[in-house]
PDB file of all heavy atoms in Angstrom:
ATOM      1  N   PRO A   1       6.931 -22.898  12.308  1.00  0.00           N
ATOM      2  CA  PRO A   1       6.867 -23.272  10.890  1.00  0.00           C
ATOM      3  C   PRO A   1       5.859 -22.448  10.089  1.00  0.00           C
ATOM      4  O   PRO A   1       6.096 -22.132   8.921  1.00  0.00           O
ATOM      5  CB  PRO A   1       6.448 -24.757  10.938  1.00  0.00           C
ATOM      6  CG  PRO A   1       6.895 -25.233  12.274  1.00  0.00           C
ATOM      7  CD  PRO A   1       6.724 -24.062  13.189  1.00  0.00           C
ATOM      8  N   TYR A   2       4.743 -22.081  10.721  1.00  0.00           N
ATOM      9  CA  TYR A   2       3.743 -21.264  10.022  1.00  0.00           C
ATOM     10  C   TYR A   2       4.265 -19.849   9.782  1.00  0.00           C
ATOM     11  O   TYR A   2       4.084 -19.289   8.699  1.00  0.00           O
ATOM     12  CB  TYR A   2       2.443 -21.217  10.832  1.00  0.00           C
ATOM     13  CG  TYR A   2       1.768 -22.553  10.979  1.00  0.00           C
ATOM     14  CD1 TYR A   2       1.962 -23.343  12.109  1.00  0.00           C
ATOM     15  CD2 TYR A   2       0.923 -23.036   9.984  1.00  0.00           C
ATOM     16  CE1 TYR A   2       1.336 -24.570  12.243  1.00  0.00           C
ATOM     17  CE2 TYR A   2       0.293 -24.264  10.107  1.00  0.00           C
ATOM     18  CZ  TYR A   2       0.508 -25.026  11.241  1.00  0.00           C
ATOM     19  OH  TYR A   2      -0.108 -26.247  11.367  1.00  0.00           O
ATOM     20  N   THR A   3       4.875 -19.271  10.800  1.00  0.00           N
ATOM     21  CA  THR A   3       5.400 -17.907  10.644  1.00  0.00           C
ATOM     22  C   THR A   3       6.608 -17.892   9.708  1.00  0.00           C
ATOM     23  O   THR A   3       6.807 -16.920   8.980  1.00  0.00           O
ATOM     24  CB  THR A   3       5.804 -17.334  12.017  1.00  0.00           C
ATOM     25  OG1 THR A   3       6.745 -18.215  12.636  1.00  0.00           O
ATOM     26  CG2 THR A   3       4.603 -17.191  12.913  1.00  0.00           C
ATOM     27  N   GLU A   4       7.393 -18.963   9.707  1.00  0.00           N
ATOM     28  CA  GLU A   4       8.589 -19.013   8.861  1.00  0.00           C
ATOM     29  C   GLU A   4       8.213 -18.915   7.383  1.00  0.00           C
ATOM     30  O   GLU A   4       8.879 -18.245   6.600  1.00  0.00           O
ATOM     31  CB  GLU A   4       9.356 -20.316   9.119  1.00  0.00           C
ATOM     32  CG  GLU A   4      10.698 -20.410   8.415  1.00  0.00           C
ATOM     33  CD  GLU A   4      11.726 -19.436   8.976  1.00  0.00           C
ATOM     34  OE1 GLU A   4      11.530 -18.926  10.094  1.00  0.00           O
ATOM     35  OE2 GLU A   4      12.731 -19.179   8.285  1.00  0.00           O
ATOM     36  N   GLY A   5       7.139 -19.592   6.992  1.00  0.00           N
ATOM     37  CA  GLY A   5       6.728 -19.536   5.596  1.00  0.00           C
ATOM     38  C   GLY A   5       5.928 -18.294   5.242  1.00  0.00           C
ATOM     39  O   GLY A   5       5.784 -17.963   4.061  1.00  0.00           O
ATOM     40  N   TYR A   6       5.413 -17.604   6.256  1.00  0.00           N
ATOM     41  CA  TYR A   6       4.520 -16.470   6.013  1.00  0.00           C
ATOM     42  C   TYR A   6       5.222 -15.120   6.061  1.00  0.00           C
ATOM     43  O   TYR A   6       4.862 -14.206   5.314  1.00  0.00           O
ATOM     44  CB  TYR A   6       3.378 -16.514   7.036  1.00  0.00           C
ATOM     45  CG  TYR A   6       2.436 -15.339   6.980  1.00  0.00           C
ATOM     46  CD1 TYR A   6       1.688 -15.069   5.835  1.00  0.00           C
ATOM     47  CD2 TYR A   6       2.266 -14.492   8.078  1.00  0.00           C
ATOM     48  CE1 TYR A   6       0.811 -14.006   5.786  1.00  0.00           C
ATOM     49  CE2 TYR A   6       1.391 -13.428   8.046  1.00  0.00           C
ATOM     50  CZ  TYR A   6       0.666 -13.183   6.895  1.00  0.00           C
ATOM     51  OH  TYR A   6      -0.201 -12.122   6.844  1.00  0.00           O
ATOM     52  N   TRP A   7       6.227 -14.986   6.908  1.00  0.00           N
ATOM     53  CA  TRP A   7       6.762 -13.656   7.181  1.00  0.00           C
ATOM     54  C   TRP A   7       7.480 -13.029   5.994  1.00  0.00           C
ATOM     55  O   TRP A   7       7.433 -11.817   5.817  1.00  0.00           O
ATOM     56  CB  TRP A   7       7.674 -13.696   8.423  1.00  0.00           C
ATOM     57  CG  TRP A   7       6.905 -13.427   9.672  1.00  0.00           C
ATOM     58  CD1 TRP A   7       5.662 -13.888   9.959  1.00  0.00           C
ATOM     59  CD2 TRP A   7       7.292 -12.625  10.795  1.00  0.00           C
ATOM     60  NE1 TRP A   7       5.238 -13.444  11.196  1.00  0.00           N
ATOM     61  CE2 TRP A   7       6.235 -12.670  11.731  1.00  0.00           C
ATOM     62  CE3 TRP A   7       8.437 -11.913  11.109  1.00  0.00           C
ATOM     63  CZ2 TRP A   7       6.283 -11.996  12.946  1.00  0.00           C
ATOM     64  CZ3 TRP A   7       8.495 -11.246  12.332  1.00  0.00           C
ATOM     65  CH2 TRP A   7       7.427 -11.283  13.232  1.00  0.00           C
ATOM     66  N   LEU A   8       8.174 -13.807   5.170  1.00  0.00           N
ATOM     67  CA  LEU A   8       8.870 -13.195   4.036  1.00  0.00           C
ATOM     68  C   LEU A   8       7.888 -12.597   3.033  1.00  0.00           C
ATOM     69  O   LEU A   8       8.023 -11.412   2.668  1.00  0.00           O
ATOM     70  CB  LEU A   8       9.795 -14.213   3.366  1.00  0.00           C
ATOM     71  CG  LEU A   8      10.670 -13.644   2.236  1.00  0.00           C
ATOM     72  CD1 LEU A   8      11.542 -12.504   2.757  1.00  0.00           C
ATOM     73  CD2 LEU A   8      11.538 -14.741   1.628  1.00  0.00           C
ATOM     74  N   PRO A   9       6.875 -13.349   2.551  1.00  0.00           N
ATOM     75  CA  PRO A   9       5.902 -12.698   1.654  1.00  0.00           C
ATOM     76  C   PRO A   9       5.097 -11.601   2.350  1.00  0.00           C
ATOM     77  O   PRO A   9       4.737 -10.599   1.718  1.00  0.00           O
ATOM     78  CB  PRO A   9       4.992 -13.855   1.208  1.00  0.00           C
ATOM     79  CG  PRO A   9       5.217 -14.951   2.177  1.00  0.00           C
ATOM     80  CD  PRO A   9       6.621 -14.797   2.667  1.00  0.00           C
ATOM     81  N   TRP A  10       4.842 -11.765   3.656  1.00  0.00           N
ATOM     82  CA  TRP A  10       4.106 -10.710   4.364  1.00  0.00           C
ATOM     83  C   TRP A  10       4.925  -9.422   4.428  1.00  0.00           C
ATOM     84  O   TRP A  10       4.394  -8.325   4.200  1.00  0.00           O
ATOM     85  CB  TRP A  10       3.771 -11.171   5.788  1.00  0.00           C
ATOM     86  CG  TRP A  10       3.347 -10.032   6.662  1.00  0.00           C
ATOM     87  CD1 TRP A  10       2.248  -9.252   6.515  1.00  0.00           C
ATOM     88  CD2 TRP A  10       4.063  -9.510   7.786  1.00  0.00           C
ATOM     89  NE1 TRP A  10       2.217  -8.276   7.487  1.00  0.00           N
ATOM     90  CE2 TRP A  10       3.323  -8.417   8.276  1.00  0.00           C
ATOM     91  CE3 TRP A  10       5.231  -9.880   8.432  1.00  0.00           C
ATOM     92  CZ2 TRP A  10       3.745  -7.687   9.371  1.00  0.00           C
ATOM     93  CZ3 TRP A  10       5.647  -9.145   9.524  1.00  0.00           C
ATOM     94  CH2 TRP A  10       4.910  -8.055   9.984  1.00  0.00           C
ATOM     95  N   LEU A  11       6.226  -9.509   4.708  1.00  0.00           N
ATOM     96  CA  LEU A  11       7.073  -8.319   4.747  1.00  0.00           C
ATOM     97  C   LEU A  11       7.192  -7.691   3.356  1.00  0.00           C
ATOM     98  O   LEU A  11       7.229  -6.457   3.224  1.00  0.00           O
ATOM     99  CB  LEU A  11       8.456  -8.677   5.295  1.00  0.00           C
ATOM    100  CG  LEU A  11       8.512  -8.951   6.804  1.00  0.00           C
ATOM    101  CD1 LEU A  11       9.857  -9.537   7.195  1.00  0.00           C
ATOM    102  CD2 LEU A  11       8.250  -7.675   7.592  1.00  0.00           C
ATOM    103  N   ALA A  12       7.237  -8.535   2.311  1.00  0.00           N
ATOM    104  CA  ALA A  12       7.252  -7.992   0.946  1.00  0.00           C
ATOM    105  C   ALA A  12       5.958  -7.240   0.656  1.00  0.00           C
ATOM    106  O   ALA A  12       5.982  -6.147   0.058  1.00  0.00           O
ATOM    107  CB  ALA A  12       7.448  -9.123  -0.060  1.00  0.00           C
ATOM    108  N   SER A  13       4.834  -7.793   1.100  1.00  0.00           N
ATOM    109  CA  SER A  13       3.555  -7.101   0.896  1.00  0.00           C
ATOM    110  C   SER A  13       3.491  -5.811   1.703  1.00  0.00           C
ATOM    111  O   SER A  13       2.905  -4.816   1.253  1.00  0.00           O
ATOM    112  CB  SER A  13       2.390  -8.023   1.277  1.00  0.00           C
ATOM    113  OG  SER A  13       2.322  -8.226   2.678  1.00  0.00           O
ATOM    114  N   ALA A  14       4.107  -5.799   2.889  1.00  0.00           N
ATOM    115  CA  ALA A  14       4.131  -4.580   3.709  1.00  0.00           C
ATOM    116  C   ALA A  14       4.943  -3.491   3.023  1.00  0.00           C
ATOM    117  O   ALA A  14       4.564  -2.307   3.034  1.00  0.00           O
ATOM    118  CB  ALA A  14       4.717  -4.888   5.086  1.00  0.00           C
ATOM    119  N   TRP A  15       6.077  -3.870   2.404  1.00  0.00           N
ATOM    120  CA  TRP A  15       6.900  -2.880   1.709  1.00  0.00           C
ATOM    121  C   TRP A  15       6.159  -2.327   0.494  1.00  0.00           C
ATOM    122  O   TRP A  15       6.163  -1.113   0.245  1.00  0.00           O
ATOM    123  CB  TRP A  15       8.228  -3.497   1.275  1.00  0.00           C
ATOM    124  CG  TRP A  15       9.124  -2.497   0.617  1.00  0.00           C
ATOM    125  CD1 TRP A  15       9.930  -1.581   1.228  1.00  0.00           C
ATOM    126  CD2 TRP A  15       9.279  -2.280  -0.799  1.00  0.00           C
ATOM    127  NE1 TRP A  15      10.573  -0.808   0.289  1.00  0.00           N
ATOM    128  CE2 TRP A  15      10.188  -1.215  -0.959  1.00  0.00           C
ATOM    129  CE3 TRP A  15       8.727  -2.875  -1.930  1.00  0.00           C
ATOM    130  CZ2 TRP A  15      10.571  -0.756  -2.210  1.00  0.00           C
ATOM    131  CZ3 TRP A  15       9.105  -2.403  -3.184  1.00  0.00           C
ATOM    132  CH2 TRP A  15      10.013  -1.358  -3.309  1.00  0.00           C
ATOM    133  N   LEU A  16       5.506  -3.198  -0.267  1.00  0.00           N
ATOM    134  CA  LEU A  16       4.757  -2.730  -1.433  1.00  0.00           C
ATOM    135  C   LEU A  16       3.557  -1.876  -1.010  1.00  0.00           C
ATOM    136  O   LEU A  16       3.206  -0.913  -1.698  1.00  0.00           O
ATOM    137  CB  LEU A  16       4.273  -3.933  -2.249  1.00  0.00           C
ATOM    138  CG  LEU A  16       5.344  -4.620  -3.095  1.00  0.00           C
ATOM    139  CD1 LEU A  16       4.838  -5.953  -3.621  1.00  0.00           C
ATOM    140  CD2 LEU A  16       5.779  -3.729  -4.248  1.00  0.00           C
ATOM    141  N   GLY A  17       2.950  -2.213   0.131  1.00  0.00           N
ATOM    142  CA  GLY A  17       1.872  -1.379   0.649  1.00  0.00           C
ATOM    143  C   GLY A  17       2.358   0.018   0.998  1.00  0.00           C
ATOM    144  O   GLY A  17       1.664   1.009   0.744  1.00  0.00           O
ATOM    145  N   ALA A  18       3.560   0.103   1.586  1.00  0.00           N
ATOM    146  CA  ALA A  18       4.143   1.421   1.886  1.00  0.00           C
ATOM    147  C   ALA A  18       4.445   2.186   0.601  1.00  0.00           C
ATOM    148  O   ALA A  18       4.213   3.400   0.508  1.00  0.00           O
ATOM    149  CB  ALA A  18       5.418   1.234   2.706  1.00  0.00           C
ATOM    150  N   PHE A  19       4.962   1.485  -0.410  1.00  0.00           N
ATOM    151  CA  PHE A  19       5.254   2.093  -1.714  1.00  0.00           C
ATOM    152  C   PHE A  19       3.991   2.718  -2.302  1.00  0.00           C
ATOM    153  O   PHE A  19       4.012   3.851  -2.812  1.00  0.00           O
ATOM    154  CB  PHE A  19       5.821   1.012  -2.642  1.00  0.00           C
ATOM    155  CG  PHE A  19       6.308   1.513  -3.967  1.00  0.00           C
ATOM    156  CD1 PHE A  19       7.263   2.518  -4.058  1.00  0.00           C
ATOM    157  CD2 PHE A  19       5.827   0.959  -5.144  1.00  0.00           C
ATOM    158  CE1 PHE A  19       7.721   2.969  -5.291  1.00  0.00           C
ATOM    159  CE2 PHE A  19       6.274   1.399  -6.383  1.00  0.00           C
ATOM    160  CZ  PHE A  19       7.218   2.405  -6.453  1.00  0.00           C
ATOM    161  N   LEU A  20       2.874   2.002  -2.219  1.00  0.00           N
ATOM    162  CA  LEU A  20       1.597   2.519  -2.703  1.00  0.00           C
ATOM    163  C   LEU A  20       1.101   3.673  -1.840  1.00  0.00           C
ATOM    164  O   LEU A  20       0.581   4.674  -2.346  1.00  0.00           O
ATOM    165  CB  LEU A  20       0.576   1.377  -2.712  1.00  0.00           C
ATOM    166  CG  LEU A  20      -0.865   1.728  -3.070  1.00  0.00           C
ATOM    167  CD1 LEU A  20      -0.953   2.339  -4.462  1.00  0.00           C
ATOM    168  CD2 LEU A  20      -1.751   0.479  -3.002  1.00  0.00           C
ATOM    169  N   TYR A  21       1.290   3.566  -0.523  1.00  0.00           N
ATOM    170  CA  TYR A  21       0.813   4.605   0.398  1.00  0.00           C
ATOM    171  C   TYR A  21       1.528   5.936   0.152  1.00  0.00           C
ATOM    172  O   TYR A  21       0.904   6.999   0.219  1.00  0.00           O
ATOM    173  CB  TYR A  21       1.019   4.150   1.835  1.00  0.00           C
ATOM    174  CG  TYR A  21       0.552   5.155   2.866  1.00  0.00           C
ATOM    175  CD1 TYR A  21      -0.795   5.239   3.204  1.00  0.00           C
ATOM    176  CD2 TYR A  21       1.448   6.014   3.490  1.00  0.00           C
ATOM    177  CE1 TYR A  21      -1.233   6.165   4.132  1.00  0.00           C
ATOM    178  CE2 TYR A  21       1.018   6.940   4.419  1.00  0.00           C
ATOM    179  CZ  TYR A  21      -0.315   7.008   4.739  1.00  0.00           C
ATOM    180  OH  TYR A  21      -0.749   7.939   5.654  1.00  0.00           O
ATOM    181  N   PHE A  22       2.832   5.894  -0.145  1.00  0.00           N
ATOM    182  CA  PHE A  22       3.569   7.131  -0.392  1.00  0.00           C
ATOM    183  C   PHE A  22       3.048   7.826  -1.654  1.00  0.00           C
ATOM    184  O   PHE A  22       2.963   9.056  -1.699  1.00  0.00           O
ATOM    185  CB  PHE A  22       5.068   6.847  -0.516  1.00  0.00           C
ATOM    186  CG  PHE A  22       5.685   6.287   0.738  1.00  0.00           C
ATOM    187  CD1 PHE A  22       6.692   5.340   0.672  1.00  0.00           C
ATOM    188  CD2 PHE A  22       5.243   6.685   1.988  1.00  0.00           C
ATOM    189  CE1 PHE A  22       7.251   4.816   1.828  1.00  0.00           C
ATOM    190  CE2 PHE A  22       5.793   6.164   3.148  1.00  0.00           C
ATOM    191  CZ  PHE A  22       6.804   5.226   3.063  1.00  0.00           C
ATOM    192  N   ALA A  23       2.699   7.051  -2.684  1.00  0.00           N
ATOM    193  CA  ALA A  23       2.105   7.651  -3.884  1.00  0.00           C
ATOM    194  C   ALA A  23       0.763   8.295  -3.554  1.00  0.00           C
ATOM    195  O   ALA A  23       0.448   9.395  -4.037  1.00  0.00           O
ATOM    196  CB  ALA A  23       1.932   6.587  -4.970  1.00  0.00           C
ATOM    197  N   SER A  24      -0.028   7.631  -2.714  1.00  0.00           N
ATOM    198  CA  SER A  24      -1.315   8.198  -2.299  1.00  0.00           C
ATOM    199  C   SER A  24      -1.114   9.499  -1.525  1.00  0.00           C
ATOM    200  O   SER A  24      -1.885  10.451  -1.676  1.00  0.00           O
ATOM    201  CB  SER A  24      -2.075   7.189  -1.432  1.00  0.00           C
ATOM    202  OG  SER A  24      -2.350   6.010  -2.139  1.00  0.00           O
ATOM    203  N   SER A  25      -0.069   9.560  -0.695  1.00  0.00           N
ATOM    204  CA  SER A  25       0.217  10.775   0.072  1.00  0.00           C
ATOM    205  C   SER A  25       0.565  11.932  -0.849  1.00  0.00           C
ATOM    206  O   SER A  25       0.139  13.065  -0.617  1.00  0.00           O
ATOM    207  CB  SER A  25       1.370  10.515   1.048  1.00  0.00           C
ATOM    208  OG  SER A  25       1.043   9.515   1.973  1.00  0.00           O
ATOM    209  N   VAL A  26       1.333  11.654  -1.911  1.00  0.00           N
ATOM    210  CA  VAL A  26       1.680  12.698  -2.881  1.00  0.00           C
ATOM    211  C   VAL A  26       0.423  13.210  -3.576  1.00  0.00           C
ATOM    212  O   VAL A  26       0.234  14.424  -3.751  1.00  0.00           O
ATOM    213  CB  VAL A  26       2.696  12.157  -3.913  1.00  0.00           C
ATOM    214  CG1 VAL A  26       2.901  13.164  -5.044  1.00  0.00           C
ATOM    215  CG2 VAL A  26       4.034  11.857  -3.245  1.00  0.00           C
ATOM    216  N   ALA A  27      -0.471  12.285  -3.964  1.00  0.00           N
ATOM    217  CA  ALA A  27      -1.710  12.699  -4.635  1.00  0.00           C
ATOM    218  C   ALA A  27      -2.586  13.532  -3.698  1.00  0.00           C
ATOM    219  O   ALA A  27      -3.139  14.564  -4.102  1.00  0.00           O
ATOM    220  CB  ALA A  27      -2.468  11.467  -5.124  1.00  0.00           C
ATOM    221  N   ARG A  28      -2.708  13.102  -2.439  1.00  0.00           N
ATOM    222  CA  ARG A  28      -3.522  13.858  -1.484  1.00  0.00           C
ATOM    223  C   ARG A  28      -2.934  15.244  -1.242  1.00  0.00           C
ATOM    224  O   ARG A  28      -3.669  16.226  -1.114  1.00  0.00           O
ATOM    225  CB  ARG A  28      -3.628  13.104  -0.156  1.00  0.00           C
ATOM    226  CG  ARG A  28      -4.432  11.833  -0.228  1.00  0.00           C
ATOM    227  CD  ARG A  28      -4.938  11.397   1.142  1.00  0.00           C
ATOM    228  NE  ARG A  28      -3.875  11.357   2.145  1.00  0.00           N
ATOM    229  CZ  ARG A  28      -3.135  10.296   2.407  1.00  0.00           C
ATOM    230  NH1 ARG A  28      -3.328   9.176   1.720  1.00  0.00           N
ATOM    231  NH2 ARG A  28      -2.207  10.317   3.342  1.00  0.00           N
ATOM    232  N   ALA A  29      -1.612  15.332  -1.155  1.00  0.00           N
ATOM    233  CA  ALA A  29      -0.969  16.630  -0.940  1.00  0.00           C
ATOM    234  C   ALA A  29      -1.261  17.587  -2.089  1.00  0.00           C
ATOM    235  O   ALA A  29      -1.319  18.806  -1.895  1.00  0.00           O
ATOM    236  CB  ALA A  29       0.537  16.447  -0.774  1.00  0.00           C
ATOM    237  N   ASN A  30      -1.455  17.031  -3.301  1.00  0.00           N
ATOM    238  CA  ASN A  30      -1.761  17.858  -4.467  1.00  0.00           C
ATOM    239  C   ASN A  30      -3.258  18.102  -4.633  1.00  0.00           C
ATOM    240  O   ASN A  30      -3.686  18.650  -5.644  1.00  0.00           O
ATOM    241  CB  ASN A  30      -1.202  17.212  -5.732  1.00  0.00           C
ATOM    242  CG  ASN A  30       0.290  17.447  -5.890  1.00  0.00           C
ATOM    243  OD1 ASN A  30       0.717  18.464  -6.435  1.00  0.00           O
ATOM    244  ND2 ASN A  30       1.092  16.512  -5.392  1.00  0.00           N
ATOM    245  N   GLY A  31      -4.036  17.669  -3.631  1.00  0.00           N
ATOM    246  CA  GLY A  31      -5.456  17.975  -3.630  1.00  0.00           C
ATOM    247  C   GLY A  31      -6.341  16.946  -4.302  1.00  0.00           C
ATOM    248  O   GLY A  31      -7.551  17.169  -4.436  1.00  0.00           O
ATOM    249  N   ASP A  32      -5.769  15.808  -4.733  1.00  0.00           N
ATOM    250  CA  ASP A  32      -6.565  14.769  -5.386  1.00  0.00           C
ATOM    251  C   ASP A  32      -6.886  13.672  -4.372  1.00  0.00           C
ATOM    252  O   ASP A  32      -6.015  12.885  -3.999  1.00  0.00           O
ATOM    253  CB  ASP A  32      -5.803  14.178  -6.572  1.00  0.00           C
ATOM    254  CG  ASP A  32      -6.669  13.213  -7.389  1.00  0.00           C
ATOM    255  OD1 ASP A  32      -7.747  12.831  -6.913  1.00  0.00           O
ATOM    256  OD2 ASP A  32      -6.250  12.845  -8.498  1.00  0.00           O
ATOM    257  N   MET A  33      -8.125  13.621  -3.916  1.00  0.00           N
ATOM    258  CA  MET A  33      -8.556  12.590  -2.983  1.00  0.00           C
ATOM    259  C   MET A  33      -9.223  11.412  -3.696  1.00  0.00           C
ATOM    260  O   MET A  33      -9.265  10.305  -3.169  1.00  0.00           O
ATOM    261  CB  MET A  33      -9.537  13.183  -1.963  1.00  0.00           C
ATOM    262  CG  MET A  33      -8.936  14.244  -1.084  1.00  0.00           C
ATOM    263  SD  MET A  33      -7.696  13.552   0.016  1.00  0.00           S
ATOM    264  CE  MET A  33      -6.956  15.049   0.642  1.00  0.00           C
ATOM    265  N   ARG A  34      -9.719  11.660  -4.893  1.00  0.00           N
ATOM    266  CA  ARG A  34     -10.462  10.610  -5.584  1.00  0.00           C
ATOM    267  C   ARG A  34      -9.550   9.473  -6.028  1.00  0.00           C
ATOM    268  O   ARG A  34      -9.921   8.300  -5.904  1.00  0.00           O
ATOM    269  CB  ARG A  34     -11.204  11.198  -6.785  1.00  0.00           C
ATOM    270  CG  ARG A  34     -12.269  12.201  -6.397  1.00  0.00           C
ATOM    271  CD  ARG A  34     -13.129  12.597  -7.574  1.00  0.00           C
ATOM    272  NE  ARG A  34     -14.150  13.566  -7.176  1.00  0.00           N
ATOM    273  CZ  ARG A  34     -15.130  13.982  -7.967  1.00  0.00           C
ATOM    274  NH1 ARG A  34     -15.224  13.511  -9.193  1.00  0.00           N
ATOM    275  NH2 ARG A  34     -16.012  14.868  -7.531  1.00  0.00           N
ATOM    276  N   LEU A  35      -8.389   9.810  -6.568  1.00  0.00           N
ATOM    277  CA  LEU A  35      -7.476   8.761  -7.038  1.00  0.00           C
ATOM    278  C   LEU A  35      -7.004   7.856  -5.898  1.00  0.00           C
ATOM    279  O   LEU A  35      -7.099   6.623  -6.008  1.00  0.00           O
ATOM    280  CB  LEU A  35      -6.287   9.388  -7.766  1.00  0.00           C
ATOM    281  CG  LEU A  35      -5.248   8.411  -8.325  1.00  0.00           C
ATOM    282  CD1 LEU A  35      -5.890   7.452  -9.325  1.00  0.00           C
ATOM    283  CD2 LEU A  35      -4.094   9.174  -8.978  1.00  0.00           C
ATOM    284  N   PRO A  36      -6.503   8.401  -4.759  1.00  0.00           N
ATOM    285  CA  PRO A  36      -6.130   7.507  -3.647  1.00  0.00           C
ATOM    286  C   PRO A  36      -7.308   6.708  -3.112  1.00  0.00           C
ATOM    287  O   PRO A  36      -7.175   5.513  -2.816  1.00  0.00           O
ATOM    288  CB  PRO A  36      -5.591   8.464  -2.581  1.00  0.00           C
ATOM    289  CG  PRO A  36      -5.196   9.687  -3.314  1.00  0.00           C
ATOM    290  CD  PRO A  36      -6.155   9.799  -4.460  1.00  0.00           C
ATOM    291  N   GLY A  37      -8.491   7.353  -2.987  1.00  0.00           N
ATOM    292  CA  GLY A  37      -9.666   6.633  -2.501  1.00  0.00           C
ATOM    293  C   GLY A  37     -10.061   5.508  -3.438  1.00  0.00           C
ATOM    294  O   GLY A  37     -10.385   4.394  -3.003  1.00  0.00           O
ATOM    295  N   LEU A  38     -10.018   5.786  -4.750  1.00  0.00           N
ATOM    296  CA  LEU A  38     -10.354   4.764  -5.733  1.00  0.00           C
ATOM    297  C   LEU A  38      -9.361   3.604  -5.681  1.00  0.00           C
ATOM    298  O   LEU A  38      -9.750   2.429  -5.759  1.00  0.00           O
ATOM    299  CB  LEU A  38     -10.361   5.382  -7.134  1.00  0.00           C
ATOM    300  CG  LEU A  38     -10.647   4.428  -8.301  1.00  0.00           C
ATOM    301  CD1 LEU A  38     -12.038   3.820  -8.170  1.00  0.00           C
ATOM    302  CD2 LEU A  38     -10.497   5.160  -9.635  1.00  0.00           C
ATOM    303  N   MET A  39      -8.071   3.917  -5.520  1.00  0.00           N
ATOM    304  CA  MET A  39      -7.062   2.861  -5.460  1.00  0.00           C
ATOM    305  C   MET A  39      -7.214   2.014  -4.204  1.00  0.00           C
ATOM    306  O   MET A  39      -6.960   0.799  -4.227  1.00  0.00           O
ATOM    307  CB  MET A  39      -5.663   3.467  -5.521  1.00  0.00           C
ATOM    308  CG  MET A  39      -5.221   3.898  -6.903  1.00  0.00           C
ATOM    309  SD  MET A  39      -5.233   2.550  -8.102  1.00  0.00           S
ATOM    310  CE  MET A  39      -6.803   2.850  -8.933  1.00  0.00           C
ATOM    311  N   MET A  40      -7.611   2.626  -3.098  1.00  0.00           N
ATOM    312  CA  MET A  40      -7.863   1.854  -1.880  1.00  0.00           C
ATOM    313  C   MET A  40      -8.995   0.852  -2.102  1.00  0.00           C
ATOM    314  O   MET A  40      -8.929  -0.300  -1.664  1.00  0.00           O
ATOM    315  CB  MET A  40      -8.183   2.796  -0.719  1.00  0.00           C
ATOM    316  CG  MET A  40      -6.995   3.638  -0.270  1.00  0.00           C
ATOM    317  SD  MET A  40      -7.476   5.054   0.756  1.00  0.00           S
ATOM    318  CE  MET A  40      -7.788   4.255   2.328  1.00  0.00           C
ATOM    319  N   VAL A  41     -10.041   1.297  -2.816  1.00  0.00           N
ATOM    320  CA  VAL A  41     -11.164   0.404  -3.104  1.00  0.00           C
ATOM    321  C   VAL A  41     -10.740  -0.695  -4.069  1.00  0.00           C
ATOM    322  O   VAL A  41     -11.023  -1.888  -3.855  1.00  0.00           O
ATOM    323  CB  VAL A  41     -12.350   1.211  -3.680  1.00  0.00           C
ATOM    324  CG1 VAL A  41     -13.463   0.274  -4.143  1.00  0.00           C
ATOM    325  CG2 VAL A  41     -12.880   2.200  -2.654  1.00  0.00           C
ATOM    326  N   VAL A  42     -10.045  -0.317  -5.146  1.00  0.00           N
ATOM    327  CA  VAL A  42      -9.647  -1.284  -6.176  1.00  0.00           C
ATOM    328  C   VAL A  42      -8.710  -2.345  -5.607  1.00  0.00           C
ATOM    329  O   VAL A  42      -8.897  -3.548  -5.825  1.00  0.00           O
ATOM    330  CB  VAL A  42      -8.986  -0.558  -7.371  1.00  0.00           C
ATOM    331  CG1 VAL A  42      -8.324  -1.553  -8.315  1.00  0.00           C
ATOM    332  CG2 VAL A  42     -10.022   0.262  -8.118  1.00  0.00           C
ATOM    333  N   THR A  43      -7.674  -1.908  -4.865  1.00  0.00           N
ATOM    334  CA  THR A  43      -6.726  -2.878  -4.318  1.00  0.00           C
ATOM    335  C   THR A  43      -7.389  -3.790  -3.289  1.00  0.00           C
ATOM    336  O   THR A  43      -7.065  -4.975  -3.198  1.00  0.00           O
ATOM    337  CB  THR A  43      -5.525  -2.168  -3.680  1.00  0.00           C
ATOM    338  OG1 THR A  43      -5.971  -1.187  -2.726  1.00  0.00           O
ATOM    339  CG2 THR A  43      -4.681  -1.470  -4.737  1.00  0.00           C
TER     340      THR A  43
END
């Protein structure tokens, strides 16, 4: 019962975390480390 109520929002948060991570990867590839680092702190 605990996992049943938790896994759907947890999987949604995992997908959104990946969405954010891919943007950070694009920024790092372009040489910007401050923006991804700042977003990691802010989030």
